[in-house]
Amino acid sequence: MGDFDRELDVKGAKCPMPLVKSRKSLGELPVGQVLKVLTTDRGSVADFQGWAKTAKHVELVAQETADEQGQAVYIHYLRRTA
């Protein structure tokens, strides 16, 4: 996925910080915009899926995994819906 409005790099942060920082950053975006989150926390995949199911005004648009110099980077795209 290539379209996003803001990028948040929280690589190296452990649970629950990627989610906490994403929640704050997403709240600062206008409705309809997409936040791209980069993290190295493997648990973030399930964390973001769970958050998107239970939270209001958040849509998990896509998730990807990339390799960055031999380290897995988990990429999440979140849209603010209201």
Protein backbone atom coordinates (compact mmCIF):
# COMPACT_ATOMS: atom_id res chain seq x y z
CA MET A 1 0.00 0.00 0.00
CA GLY A 2 1.47 3.33 -0.94
CA ASP A 3 -1.07 6.01 0.00
CA PHE A 4 -0.83 7.50 3.48
CA ASP A 5 -0.89 10.95 5.02
CA ARG A 6 1.51 10.62 7.96
CA GLU A 7 4.20 8.16 8.95
CA LEU A 8 4.99 7.15 12.52
CA ASP A 9 8.27 5.32 13.14
CA VAL A 10 8.21 3.47 16.45
CA LYS A 11 10.81 0.84 15.57
CA GLY A 12 12.45 -0.47 18.72
CA ALA A 13 9.50 0.40 20.97
CA LYS A 14 7.98 -2.50 22.89
CA CYS A 15 4.33 -3.23 23.59
CA PRO A 16 2.21 -1.23 24.30
CA MET A 17 4.12 1.85 23.10
CA PRO A 18 3.52 1.37 19.33
CA LEU A 19 -0.22 1.26 20.01
CA VAL A 20 -0.15 4.15 22.49
CA LYS A 21 1.81 6.41 20.14
CA SER A 22 -0.33 5.39 17.16
CA ARG A 23 -3.52 6.21 19.01
CA LYS A 24 -2.22 9.69 19.82
CA SER A 25 -0.94 10.32 16.29
CA LEU A 26 -4.14 9.06 14.65
CA GLY A 27 -6.17 11.37 16.86
CA GLU A 28 -4.28 14.34 15.45
CA LEU A 29 -5.18 13.47 11.84
CA PRO A 30 -8.28 14.80 10.08
CA VAL A 31 -11.06 12.28 9.46
CA GLY A 32 -10.37 10.06 6.45
CA GLN A 33 -6.59 10.35 6.55
CA VAL A 34 -4.28 7.33 6.85
CA LEU A 35 -1.45 6.81 9.31
CA LYS A 36 1.42 4.49 8.39
CA VAL A 37 3.08 2.91 11.43
CA LEU A 38 6.49 1.22 11.32
CA THR A 39 7.38 -1.07 14.22
CA THR A 40 9.71 -3.95 14.98
CA ASP A 41 7.41 -5.41 17.65
CA ARG A 42 6.08 -8.73 16.33
CA GLY A 43 3.15 -8.57 18.73
CA SER A 44 1.97 -5.38 17.09
CA VAL A 45 0.30 -7.37 14.29
CA ALA A 46 -2.26 -8.87 16.67
CA ASP A 47 -2.37 -5.71 18.80
CA PHE A 48 -3.40 -3.51 15.89
CA GLN A 49 -5.95 -6.05 14.65
CA GLY A 50 -7.53 -6.22 18.10
CA TRP A 51 -7.52 -2.46 18.51
CA ALA A 52 -9.19 -1.92 15.14
CA LYS A 53 -11.96 -4.38 16.03
CA THR A 54 -12.79 -2.79 19.36
CA ALA A 55 -11.97 0.90 18.95
CA LYS A 56 -14.36 3.38 17.47
CA HIS A 57 -13.29 5.57 14.57
CA VAL A 58 -10.32 3.38 13.54
CA GLU A 59 -10.06 1.21 10.43
CA LEU A 60 -7.12 -1.10 9.87
CA VAL A 61 -6.62 -0.64 6.14
CA ALA A 62 -3.65 -2.97 5.58
CA GLN A 63 -0.70 -4.68 7.21
CA GLU A 64 2.62 -5.61 5.64
CA THR A 65 5.94 -7.02 6.72
CA ALA A 66 9.19 -5.77 5.24
CA ASP A 67 12.80 -6.74 5.71
CA GLU A 68 15.06 -3.88 6.73
CA GLN A 69 18.70 -4.90 6.97
CA GLY A 70 17.79 -8.39 8.18
CA GLN A 71 15.21 -7.18 10.69
CA ALA A 72 11.47 -7.60 10.25
CA VAL A 73 9.53 -4.34 10.16
CA TYR A 74 5.78 -4.56 10.67
CA ILE A 75 3.84 -1.90 8.81
CA HIS A 76 0.28 -0.95 9.70
CA TYR A 77 -2.03 1.44 7.85
CA LEU A 78 -4.79 2.96 9.96
CA ARG A 79 -7.55 5.29 8.81
CA ARG A 80 -9.39 7.68 11.10
CA THR A 81 -13.08 7.21 10.32
CA ALA A 82 -14.69 9.84 12.56
